[in-house]
């Protein structure tokens, strides 16, 4: 099985384009190469250079390729947010298409602020909210595919309106299967009580992209018991290396082989404000582990 394996800025603790004290983008690219990866995600728009010719030069000089761009800048059910979401889809789509990416990852905005932990909106949607979310998802998928030739992959994320297996089942039922697929984030599904291995086995035909992430069982229990916001839980290290958590990645590889998975995967071990020296050794160990179990 030959899966293209990438890694993203999130594995270096990059959540926003310009947070103070986060790893500089050139160091991120250099360390990606040192860790043994050939593909990257762009991360939050504006972290890497937004000028396509500049970014192409930086990637080419390191023999790196762009696998996906990401949009997370509004609640998909909130019509007042739709213009800014569409604006981001257009610019992320343009960047991705120009640099040969495969996917545009769309993430619903969090109902708890990712940086402060403050609750911003309600944690669930009514029927009308779901209808608007589905409508906007289909619309953005049309743009991604029709204008840019990119596959839109909807990404589950803890503390958003798309965080549980139940939510994803609903999305799969109601979105256009010709346009919308999932980016199955193994860690976020496990964080919210799901089983990414069985979910993949059931819905492999709608999953075109994977995010490789794991969850420390003890730290997750603590986070739930203390009702920690995800940002606080992340700072404790709840998202751990894939050989150390609850997700059975060897079983996942077995499912991927069985179903003939032809998509790609990106390592995304969420960290929050790590020391500059922490991410690289983890990225190296993760790459070695994934090779060992036959994933890329």
C-alpha atoms as a PDB file:
ATOM      1  CA  UNK A   1       0.000   0.000   0.000  1.00  0.00           C
ATOM      2  CA  UNK A   2       1.437   3.334  -1.064  1.00  0.00           C
ATOM      3  CA  UNK A   3      -0.086   6.306   0.729  1.00  0.00           C
ATOM      4  CA  UNK A   4       1.336   9.805   0.358  1.00  0.00           C
ATOM      5  CA  UNK A   5       2.166  10.910   3.916  1.00  0.00           C
ATOM      6  CA  UNK A   6       2.351  14.588   4.752  1.00  0.00           C
ATOM      7  CA  UNK A   7       2.619  16.689   7.881  1.00  0.00           C
ATOM      8  CA  UNK A   8       1.187  20.055   8.801  1.00  0.00           C
ATOM      9  CA  UNK A   9       2.105  23.149  10.803  1.00  0.00           C
ATOM     10  CA  UNK A  10      -0.297  22.014  13.533  1.00  0.00           C
ATOM     11  CA  UNK A  11       2.334  19.433  14.483  1.00  0.00           C
ATOM     12  CA  UNK A  12       4.565  22.410  15.311  1.00  0.00           C
ATOM     13  CA  UNK A  13       1.841  24.101  17.362  1.00  0.00           C
ATOM     14  CA  UNK A  14       0.767  26.526  14.627  1.00  0.00           C
ATOM     15  CA  UNK A  15      -2.943  27.304  15.041  1.00  0.00           C
ATOM     16  CA  UNK A  16      -3.096  30.837  13.642  1.00  0.00           C
ATOM     17  CA  UNK A  17      -0.983  32.677  11.051  1.00  0.00           C
ATOM     18  CA  UNK A  18       0.946  35.015  13.302  1.00  0.00           C
ATOM     19  CA  UNK A  19       0.842  33.995  16.952  1.00  0.00           C
ATOM     20  CA  UNK A  20       3.900  35.292  18.847  1.00  0.00           C
ATOM     21  CA  UNK A  21       6.650  32.807  19.652  1.00  0.00           C
ATOM     22  CA  UNK A  22       5.501  30.110  17.233  1.00  0.00           C
ATOM     23  CA  UNK A  23       7.994  28.393  14.956  1.00  0.00           C
ATOM     24  CA  UNK A  24       9.006  30.522  11.934  1.00  0.00           C
ATOM     25  CA  UNK A  25       7.698  29.109   8.661  1.00  0.00           C
ATOM     26  CA  UNK A  26      11.153  28.541   7.166  1.00  0.00           C
ATOM     27  CA  UNK A  27      12.190  26.512  10.178  1.00  0.00           C
ATOM     28  CA  UNK A  28       8.972  24.505   9.874  1.00  0.00           C
ATOM     29  CA  UNK A  29       9.747  23.647   6.232  1.00  0.00           C
ATOM     30  CA  UNK A  30      13.356  22.771   7.018  1.00  0.00           C
ATOM     31  CA  UNK A  31      12.348  20.492   9.874  1.00  0.00           C
ATOM     32  CA  UNK A  32       9.692  18.777   7.747  1.00  0.00           C
ATOM     33  CA  UNK A  33      12.474  17.747   5.375  1.00  0.00           C
ATOM     34  CA  UNK A  34      14.739  16.681   8.224  1.00  0.00           C
ATOM     35  CA  UNK A  35      11.940  14.533   9.648  1.00  0.00           C
ATOM     36  CA  UNK A  36      11.583  12.655   6.358  1.00  0.00           C
ATOM     37  CA  UNK A  37       8.353  13.990   4.852  1.00  0.00           C
ATOM     38  CA  UNK A  38       7.796  15.007   1.233  1.00  0.00           C
ATOM     39  CA  UNK A  39       4.296  16.503   1.545  1.00  0.00           C
ATOM     40  CA  UNK A  40       2.874  19.313   3.667  1.00  0.00           C
ATOM     41  CA  UNK A  41      -0.400  20.987   4.461  1.00  0.00           C
ATOM     42  CA  UNK A  42      -0.363  24.756   4.270  1.00  0.00           C
ATOM     43  CA  UNK A  43      -1.895  25.297   7.700  1.00  0.00           C
ATOM     44  CA  UNK A  44      -3.731  28.527   8.526  1.00  0.00           C
ATOM     45  CA  UNK A  45      -3.766  30.866   5.537  1.00  0.00           C
ATOM     46  CA  UNK A  46      -1.024  33.449   5.968  1.00  0.00           C
ATOM     47  CA  UNK A  47       1.398  31.302   7.955  1.00  0.00           C
ATOM     48  CA  UNK A  48       3.255  30.220   4.829  1.00  0.00           C
ATOM     49  CA  UNK A  49       3.838  32.847   2.126  1.00  0.00           C
ATOM     50  CA  UNK A  50       0.605  33.614   0.284  1.00  0.00           C
ATOM     51  CA  UNK A  51       2.409  34.633  -2.887  1.00  0.00           C
ATOM     52  CA  UNK A  52       2.284  31.466  -4.971  1.00  0.00           C
ATOM     53  CA  UNK A  53       5.572  32.031  -6.790  1.00  0.00           C
ATOM     54  CA  UNK A  54       7.392  32.605  -3.504  1.00  0.00           C
ATOM     55  CA  UNK A  55       5.894  29.534  -1.878  1.00  0.00           C
ATOM     56  CA  UNK A  56       6.575  27.398  -4.954  1.00  0.00           C
ATOM     57  CA  UNK A  57      10.228  28.416  -4.853  1.00  0.00           C
ATOM     58  CA  UNK A  58      10.487  27.572  -1.147  1.00  0.00           C
ATOM     59  CA  UNK A  59       8.836  24.183  -1.619  1.00  0.00           C
ATOM     60  CA  UNK A  60      10.802  23.295  -4.744  1.00  0.00           C
ATOM     61  CA  UNK A  61      14.103  24.138  -3.079  1.00  0.00           C
ATOM     62  CA  UNK A  62      13.298  21.548  -0.395  1.00  0.00           C
ATOM     63  CA  UNK A  63      11.657  19.016  -2.746  1.00  0.00           C
ATOM     64  CA  UNK A  64       8.371  19.405  -0.874  1.00  0.00           C
ATOM     65  CA  UNK A  65       4.865  19.259  -2.325  1.00  0.00           C
ATOM     66  CA  UNK A  66       1.606  20.736  -1.101  1.00  0.00           C
ATOM     67  CA  UNK A  67      -1.067  18.161  -0.315  1.00  0.00           C
ATOM     68  CA  UNK A  68      -3.889  20.390   0.985  1.00  0.00           C
ATOM     69  CA  UNK A  69      -5.014  23.823   2.022  1.00  0.00           C
ATOM     70  CA  UNK A  70      -7.365  24.479   4.927  1.00  0.00           C
ATOM     71  CA  UNK A  71     -10.253  26.830   5.684  1.00  0.00           C
ATOM     72  CA  UNK A  72     -11.577  27.356   9.218  1.00  0.00           C
ATOM     73  CA  UNK A  73     -12.974  30.857   9.516  1.00  0.00           C
ATOM     74  CA  UNK A  74     -16.651  30.794  10.398  1.00  0.00           C
ATOM     75  CA  UNK A  75     -19.639  28.739  11.421  1.00  0.00           C
ATOM     76  CA  UNK A  76     -21.005  26.886   8.421  1.00  0.00           C
ATOM     77  CA  UNK A  77     -24.582  27.269   9.698  1.00  0.00           C
ATOM     78  CA  UNK A  78     -24.330  31.053  10.149  1.00  0.00           C
ATOM     79  CA  UNK A  79     -25.255  32.900   6.956  1.00  0.00           C
ATOM     80  CA  UNK A  80     -23.513  36.049   8.179  1.00  0.00           C
ATOM     81  CA  UNK A  81     -20.238  34.083   8.101  1.00  0.00           C
ATOM     82  CA  UNK A  82     -20.721  32.718   4.591  1.00  0.00           C
ATOM     83  CA  UNK A  83     -19.051  35.613   2.714  1.00  0.00           C
ATOM     84  CA  UNK A  84     -15.810  35.326   4.671  1.00  0.00           C
ATOM     85  CA  UNK A  85     -15.802  31.530   4.426  1.00  0.00           C
ATOM     86  CA  UNK A  86     -16.269  31.746   0.663  1.00  0.00           C
ATOM     87  CA  UNK A  87     -13.507  34.346   0.423  1.00  0.00           C
ATOM     88  CA  UNK A  88     -11.153  31.983   2.232  1.00  0.00           C
ATOM     89  CA  UNK A  89     -12.192  29.026   0.081  1.00  0.00           C
ATOM     90  CA  UNK A  90     -11.428  31.057  -3.032  1.00  0.00           C
ATOM     91  CA  UNK A  91      -7.964  32.113  -1.931  1.00  0.00           C
ATOM     92  CA  UNK A  92      -7.079  28.718  -0.427  1.00  0.00           C
ATOM     93  CA  UNK A  93      -8.402  27.037  -3.555  1.00  0.00           C
ATOM     94  CA  UNK A  94      -6.317  29.277  -5.776  1.00  0.00           C
ATOM     95  CA  UNK A  95      -3.192  28.519  -3.763  1.00  0.00           C
ATOM     96  CA  UNK A  96      -3.872  24.793  -3.710  1.00  0.00           C
ATOM     97  CA  UNK A  97      -4.661  24.512  -7.400  1.00  0.00           C
ATOM     98  CA  UNK A  98      -1.619  26.575  -8.378  1.00  0.00           C
ATOM     99  CA  UNK A  99       0.696  24.339  -6.355  1.00  0.00           C
ATOM    100  CA  UNK A 100      -0.772  20.968  -7.300  1.00  0.00           C
ATOM    101  CA  UNK A 101      -2.625  20.170  -4.075  1.00  0.00           C
ATOM    102  CA  UNK A 102      -5.238  17.422  -3.952  1.00  0.00           C
ATOM    103  CA  UNK A 103      -7.594  18.607  -1.231  1.00  0.00           C
ATOM    104  CA  UNK A 104      -9.251  21.614   0.312  1.00  0.00           C
ATOM    105  CA  UNK A 105     -10.027  20.863   3.956  1.00  0.00           C
ATOM    106  CA  UNK A 106     -13.094  22.644   5.340  1.00  0.00           C
ATOM    107  CA  UNK A 107     -13.538  22.851   9.122  1.00  0.00           C
ATOM    108  CA  UNK A 108     -16.489  24.323  10.968  1.00  0.00           C
ATOM    109  CA  UNK A 109     -15.520  27.044  13.425  1.00  0.00           C
ATOM    110  CA  UNK A 110     -15.440  26.081  17.083  1.00  0.00           C
ATOM    111  CA  UNK A 111     -18.236  26.884  19.493  1.00  0.00           C
ATOM    112  CA  UNK A 112     -15.519  27.308  22.123  1.00  0.00           C
ATOM    113  CA  UNK A 113     -12.793  29.785  21.206  1.00  0.00           C
ATOM    114  CA  UNK A 114      -9.693  27.799  20.297  1.00  0.00           C
ATOM    115  CA  UNK A 115      -7.319  30.117  22.123  1.00  0.00           C
ATOM    116  CA  UNK A 116      -9.250  31.419  25.133  1.00  0.00           C
ATOM    117  CA  UNK A 117     -11.484  28.430  25.910  1.00  0.00           C
ATOM    118  CA  UNK A 118     -14.511  30.741  26.132  1.00  0.00           C
ATOM    119  CA  UNK A 119     -17.833  29.420  24.781  1.00  0.00           C
ATOM    120  CA  UNK A 120     -18.904  31.559  21.812  1.00  0.00           C
ATOM    121  CA  UNK A 121     -22.121  29.934  20.526  1.00  0.00           C
ATOM    122  CA  UNK A 122     -24.334  26.970  21.389  1.00  0.00           C
ATOM    123  CA  UNK A 123     -22.846  23.503  21.159  1.00  0.00           C
ATOM    124  CA  UNK A 124     -25.626  21.991  19.022  1.00  0.00           C
ATOM    125  CA  UNK A 125     -27.667  22.904  15.948  1.00  0.00           C
ATOM    126  CA  UNK A 126     -31.397  22.779  15.358  1.00  0.00           C
ATOM    127  CA  UNK A 127     -32.843  21.387  12.130  1.00  0.00           C
ATOM    128  CA  UNK A 128     -32.620  24.736  10.340  1.00  0.00           C
ATOM    129  CA  UNK A 129     -29.006  25.125  11.405  1.00  0.00           C
ATOM    130  CA  UNK A 130     -28.180  21.722   9.961  1.00  0.00           C
ATOM    131  CA  UNK A 131     -29.878  22.612   6.697  1.00  0.00           C
ATOM    132  CA  UNK A 132     -27.773  25.752   6.396  1.00  0.00           C
ATOM    133  CA  UNK A 133     -24.586  23.856   7.259  1.00  0.00           C
ATOM    134  CA  UNK A 134     -25.316  21.258   4.576  1.00  0.00           C
ATOM    135  CA  UNK A 135     -26.194  23.945   2.031  1.00  0.00           C
ATOM    136  CA  UNK A 136     -22.950  25.834   2.645  1.00  0.00           C
ATOM    137  CA  UNK A 137     -20.860  22.673   2.547  1.00  0.00           C
ATOM    138  CA  UNK A 138     -22.287  21.660  -0.820  1.00  0.00           C
ATOM    139  CA  UNK A 139     -21.776  25.185  -2.143  1.00  0.00           C
ATOM    140  CA  UNK A 140     -18.107  25.304  -1.083  1.00  0.00           C
ATOM    141  CA  UNK A 141     -17.545  21.830  -2.506  1.00  0.00           C
ATOM    142  CA  UNK A 142     -18.912  23.027  -5.839  1.00  0.00           C
ATOM    143  CA  UNK A 143     -16.399  25.868  -5.827  1.00  0.00           C
ATOM    144  CA  UNK A 144     -13.484  23.647  -4.787  1.00  0.00           C
ATOM    145  CA  UNK A 145     -14.160  21.078  -7.479  1.00  0.00           C
ATOM    146  CA  UNK A 146     -15.645  23.198 -10.235  1.00  0.00           C
ATOM    147  CA  UNK A 147     -13.246  26.117 -10.128  1.00  0.00           C
ATOM    148  CA  UNK A 148     -10.069  24.552  -8.778  1.00  0.00           C
ATOM    149  CA  UNK A 149     -10.288  20.812  -9.368  1.00  0.00           C
ATOM    150  CA  UNK A 150      -9.806  20.126  -5.654  1.00  0.00           C
ATOM    151  CA  UNK A 151     -11.620  17.568  -3.529  1.00  0.00           C
ATOM    152  CA  UNK A 152     -13.399  19.240  -0.636  1.00  0.00           C
ATOM    153  CA  UNK A 153     -12.930  17.191   2.518  1.00  0.00           C
ATOM    154  CA  UNK A 154     -15.015  18.068   5.548  1.00  0.00           C
ATOM    155  CA  UNK A 155     -13.027  17.711   8.760  1.00  0.00           C
ATOM    156  CA  UNK A 156     -14.501  16.706  12.135  1.00  0.00           C
ATOM    157  CA  UNK A 157     -13.133  18.722  15.024  1.00  0.00           C
ATOM    158  CA  UNK A 158     -13.790  18.610  18.744  1.00  0.00           C
ATOM    159  CA  UNK A 159     -15.794  21.593  20.027  1.00  0.00           C
ATOM    160  CA  UNK A 160     -17.395  22.261  16.647  1.00  0.00           C
ATOM    161  CA  UNK A 161     -20.812  21.305  15.313  1.00  0.00           C
ATOM    162  CA  UNK A 162     -19.115  18.465  13.427  1.00  0.00           C
ATOM    163  CA  UNK A 163     -17.372  16.582  16.211  1.00  0.00           C
ATOM    164  CA  UNK A 164     -19.012  13.178  16.704  1.00  0.00           C
ATOM    165  CA  UNK A 165     -19.630  10.095  14.598  1.00  0.00           C
ATOM    166  CA  UNK A 166     -23.344  10.909  14.759  1.00  0.00           C
ATOM    167  CA  UNK A 167     -22.689  14.321  13.221  1.00  0.00           C
ATOM    168  CA  UNK A 168     -20.616  12.788  10.441  1.00  0.00           C
ATOM    169  CA  UNK A 169     -23.239  10.147   9.680  1.00  0.00           C
ATOM    170  CA  UNK A 170     -25.742  12.973   9.218  1.00  0.00           C
ATOM    171  CA  UNK A 171     -23.385  14.925   6.968  1.00  0.00           C
ATOM    172  CA  UNK A 172     -22.692  11.894   4.799  1.00  0.00           C
ATOM    173  CA  UNK A 173     -26.390  11.229   4.429  1.00  0.00           C
ATOM    174  CA  UNK A 174     -27.285  14.783   3.421  1.00  0.00           C
ATOM    175  CA  UNK A 175     -24.339  16.083   1.363  1.00  0.00           C
ATOM    176  CA  UNK A 176     -23.675  15.386  -2.311  1.00  0.00           C
ATOM    177  CA  UNK A 177     -21.429  12.278  -2.498  1.00  0.00           C
ATOM    178  CA  UNK A 178     -20.085  13.459  -5.857  1.00  0.00           C
ATOM    179  CA  UNK A 179     -18.764  16.630  -4.237  1.00  0.00           C
ATOM    180  CA  UNK A 180     -18.222  16.164  -0.506  1.00  0.00           C
ATOM    181  CA  UNK A 181     -15.916  13.672   1.164  1.00  0.00           C
ATOM    182  CA  UNK A 182     -14.452  13.481   4.651  1.00  0.00           C
ATOM    183  CA  UNK A 183     -11.036  14.141   6.056  1.00  0.00           C
ATOM    184  CA  UNK A 184     -11.181  11.555   8.826  1.00  0.00           C
ATOM    185  CA  UNK A 185      -9.190  12.910  11.758  1.00  0.00           C
ATOM    186  CA  UNK A 186      -8.440   9.843  13.850  1.00  0.00           C
ATOM    187  CA  UNK A 187      -7.635  11.843  16.971  1.00  0.00           C
ATOM    188  CA  UNK A 188     -10.652  14.113  16.978  1.00  0.00           C
ATOM    189  CA  UNK A 189     -12.979  11.151  16.454  1.00  0.00           C
ATOM    190  CA  UNK A 190     -11.338   9.329  19.372  1.00  0.00           C
ATOM    191  CA  UNK A 191     -11.410  12.496  21.504  1.00  0.00           C
ATOM    192  CA  UNK A 192     -15.192  12.653  21.162  1.00  0.00           C
ATOM    193  CA  UNK A 193     -15.708   8.970  21.950  1.00  0.00           C
ATOM    194  CA  UNK A 194     -15.707   7.432  18.484  1.00  0.00           C
ATOM    195  CA  UNK A 195     -13.725   4.653  16.828  1.00  0.00           C
ATOM    196  CA  UNK A 196     -11.949   5.844  13.677  1.00  0.00           C
ATOM    197  CA  UNK A 197     -11.090   2.289  12.599  1.00  0.00           C
ATOM    198  CA  UNK A 198     -14.688   1.060  12.499  1.00  0.00           C
ATOM    199  CA  UNK A 199     -15.832   4.370  11.017  1.00  0.00           C
ATOM    200  CA  UNK A 200     -13.346   3.957   8.174  1.00  0.00           C
ATOM    201  CA  UNK A 201     -14.535   0.400   7.580  1.00  0.00           C
ATOM    202  CA  UNK A 202     -18.141   1.603   7.292  1.00  0.00           C
ATOM    203  CA  UNK A 203     -17.581   4.741   5.244  1.00  0.00           C
ATOM    204  CA  UNK A 204     -14.364   4.252   3.281  1.00  0.00           C
ATOM    205  CA  UNK A 205     -16.106   5.213   0.051  1.00  0.00           C
ATOM    206  CA  UNK A 206     -16.676   8.752   1.387  1.00  0.00           C
ATOM    207  CA  UNK A 207     -13.263   9.221   3.019  1.00  0.00           C
ATOM    208  CA  UNK A 208     -10.606  10.551   0.657  1.00  0.00           C
ATOM    209  CA  UNK A 209      -8.130  11.949   3.174  1.00  0.00           C
ATOM    210  CA  UNK A 210      -6.836  11.160   6.658  1.00  0.00           C
ATOM    211  CA  UNK A 211      -5.374  13.159   9.501  1.00  0.00           C
ATOM    212  CA  UNK A 212      -3.157  10.984  11.674  1.00  0.00           C
ATOM    213  CA  UNK A 213      -3.573  11.867  15.330  1.00  0.00           C
ATOM    214  CA  UNK A 214      -3.876   9.931  18.595  1.00  0.00           C
ATOM    215  CA  UNK A 215      -5.232  10.504  22.088  1.00  0.00           C
ATOM    216  CA  UNK A 216      -3.732   9.667  25.471  1.00  0.00           C
ATOM    217  CA  UNK A 217      -6.423   7.737  27.375  1.00  0.00           C
ATOM    218  CA  UNK A 218      -5.458   8.946  30.854  1.00  0.00           C
ATOM    219  CA  UNK A 219      -5.189  12.587  29.845  1.00  0.00           C
ATOM    220  CA  UNK A 220      -8.480  12.364  27.968  1.00  0.00           C
ATOM    221  CA  UNK A 221     -10.235  11.009  31.069  1.00  0.00           C
ATOM    222  CA  UNK A 222      -8.766  13.850  33.087  1.00  0.00           C
ATOM    223  CA  UNK A 223      -9.831  16.429  30.503  1.00  0.00           C
ATOM    224  CA  UNK A 224     -13.389  15.122  30.479  1.00  0.00           C
ATOM    225  CA  UNK A 225     -13.566  14.841  34.277  1.00  0.00           C
ATOM    226  CA  UNK A 226     -12.336  18.407  34.717  1.00  0.00           C
ATOM    227  CA  UNK A 227     -14.383  19.711  31.754  1.00  0.00           C
ATOM    228  CA  UNK A 228     -11.301  21.232  30.173  1.00  0.00           C
ATOM    229  CA  UNK A 229     -11.638  23.241  26.975  1.00  0.00           C
ATOM    230  CA  UNK A 230      -9.758  21.518  24.183  1.00  0.00           C
ATOM    231  CA  UNK A 231      -7.025  24.151  24.154  1.00  0.00           C
ATOM    232  CA  UNK A 232      -6.276  23.386  27.799  1.00  0.00           C
ATOM    233  CA  UNK A 233      -6.405  19.639  27.180  1.00  0.00           C
ATOM    234  CA  UNK A 234      -4.064  20.048  24.215  1.00  0.00           C
ATOM    235  CA  UNK A 235      -1.575  21.881  26.400  1.00  0.00           C
ATOM    236  CA  UNK A 236      -1.513  18.853  28.748  1.00  0.00           C
ATOM    237  CA  UNK A 237      -0.493  16.618  25.826  1.00  0.00           C
ATOM    238  CA  UNK A 238      -3.803  14.826  25.307  1.00  0.00           C
ATOM    239  CA  UNK A 239      -2.983  14.478  21.599  1.00  0.00           C
ATOM    240  CA  UNK A 240      -0.059  12.083  21.710  1.00  0.00           C
ATOM    241  CA  UNK A 241       2.208  10.214  19.318  1.00  0.00           C
ATOM    242  CA  UNK A 242       0.372   7.557  17.283  1.00  0.00           C
ATOM    243  CA  UNK A 243       2.144   4.642  18.945  1.00  0.00           C
ATOM    244  CA  UNK A 244       1.133   5.799  22.432  1.00  0.00           C
ATOM    245  CA  UNK A 245      -2.626   6.353  22.349  1.00  0.00           C
ATOM    246  CA  UNK A 246      -6.019   4.717  22.018  1.00  0.00           C
ATOM    247  CA  UNK A 247      -6.226   4.487  18.216  1.00  0.00           C
ATOM    248  CA  UNK A 248      -5.260   1.088  16.802  1.00  0.00           C
ATOM    249  CA  UNK A 249      -3.257   2.221  13.790  1.00  0.00           C
ATOM    250  CA  UNK A 250      -2.202  -1.286  12.811  1.00  0.00           C
ATOM    251  CA  UNK A 251      -5.882  -2.222  12.576  1.00  0.00           C
ATOM    252  CA  UNK A 252      -6.491   0.952  10.585  1.00  0.00           C
ATOM    253  CA  UNK A 253      -3.782  -0.043   8.110  1.00  0.00           C
ATOM    254  CA  UNK A 254      -5.493  -3.410   7.780  1.00  0.00           C
ATOM    255  CA  UNK A 255      -8.785  -1.724   6.912  1.00  0.00           C
ATOM    256  CA  UNK A 256      -7.077   0.587   4.432  1.00  0.00           C
ATOM    257  CA  UNK A 257      -5.527  -2.398   2.678  1.00  0.00           C
ATOM    258  CA  UNK A 258      -8.796  -4.321   2.693  1.00  0.00           C
ATOM    259  CA  UNK A 259     -10.802  -1.509   1.101  1.00  0.00           C
ATOM    260  CA  UNK A 260      -8.060  -0.494  -1.341  1.00  0.00           C
ATOM    261  CA  UNK A 261      -7.684   3.012   0.051  1.00  0.00           C
ATOM    262  CA  UNK A 262      -6.245   5.363  -2.566  1.00  0.00           C
ATOM    263  CA  UNK A 263      -6.253   8.633  -0.635  1.00  0.00           C
ATOM    264  CA  UNK A 264      -3.533  10.442   1.270  1.00  0.00           C
ATOM    265  CA  UNK A 265      -2.766  11.113   4.925  1.00  0.00           C
ATOM    266  CA  UNK A 266      -1.249  13.945   6.908  1.00  0.00           C
ATOM    267  CA  UNK A 267       0.245  13.732  10.380  1.00  0.00           C
ATOM    268  CA  UNK A 268      -1.384  16.329  12.580  1.00  0.00           C
ATOM    269  CA  UNK A 269      -0.424  15.978  16.211  1.00  0.00           C
ATOM    270  CA  UNK A 270      -2.064  18.983  17.792  1.00  0.00           C
ATOM    271  CA  UNK A 271       0.228  20.891  20.133  1.00  0.00           C
ATOM    272  CA  UNK A 272      -0.310  24.210  21.846  1.00  0.00           C
ATOM    273  CA  UNK A 273       2.642  26.543  22.244  1.00  0.00           C
ATOM    274  CA  UNK A 274       5.306  23.807  22.435  1.00  0.00           C
ATOM    275  CA  UNK A 275       8.951  24.618  22.931  1.00  0.00           C
ATOM    276  CA  UNK A 276      10.805  25.124  19.664  1.00  0.00           C
ATOM    277  CA  UNK A 277      12.764  21.892  20.185  1.00  0.00           C
ATOM    278  CA  UNK A 278       9.792  19.605  20.867  1.00  0.00           C
ATOM    279  CA  UNK A 279       8.114  19.016  17.454  1.00  0.00           C
ATOM    280  CA  UNK A 280      11.006  17.731  15.315  1.00  0.00           C
ATOM    281  CA  UNK A 281      11.866  14.579  17.307  1.00  0.00           C
ATOM    282  CA  UNK A 282       8.166  13.691  17.499  1.00  0.00           C
ATOM    283  CA  UNK A 283       7.755  14.167  13.749  1.00  0.00           C
ATOM    284  CA  UNK A 284      10.750  11.889  13.143  1.00  0.00           C
ATOM    285  CA  UNK A 285       9.486   9.148  15.454  1.00  0.00           C
ATOM    286  CA  UNK A 286       6.031   9.326  13.904  1.00  0.00           C
ATOM    287  CA  UNK A 287       7.415   8.984  10.377  1.00  0.00           C
ATOM    288  CA  UNK A 288       9.447   5.948  11.423  1.00  0.00           C
ATOM    289  CA  UNK A 289       6.420   4.364  13.099  1.00  0.00           C
ATOM    290  CA  UNK A 290       4.154   4.870  10.090  1.00  0.00           C
ATOM    291  CA  UNK A 291       6.711   3.216   7.815  1.00  0.00           C
ATOM    292  CA  UNK A 292       7.027   0.328  10.270  1.00  0.00           C
ATOM    293  CA  UNK A 293       3.290  -0.428  10.217  1.00  0.00           C
ATOM    294  CA  UNK A 294       3.068  -0.114   6.437  1.00  0.00           C
ATOM    295  CA  UNK A 295       1.493   3.305   6.074  1.00  0.00           C
ATOM    296  CA  UNK A 296       3.530   5.100   3.448  1.00  0.00           C
END
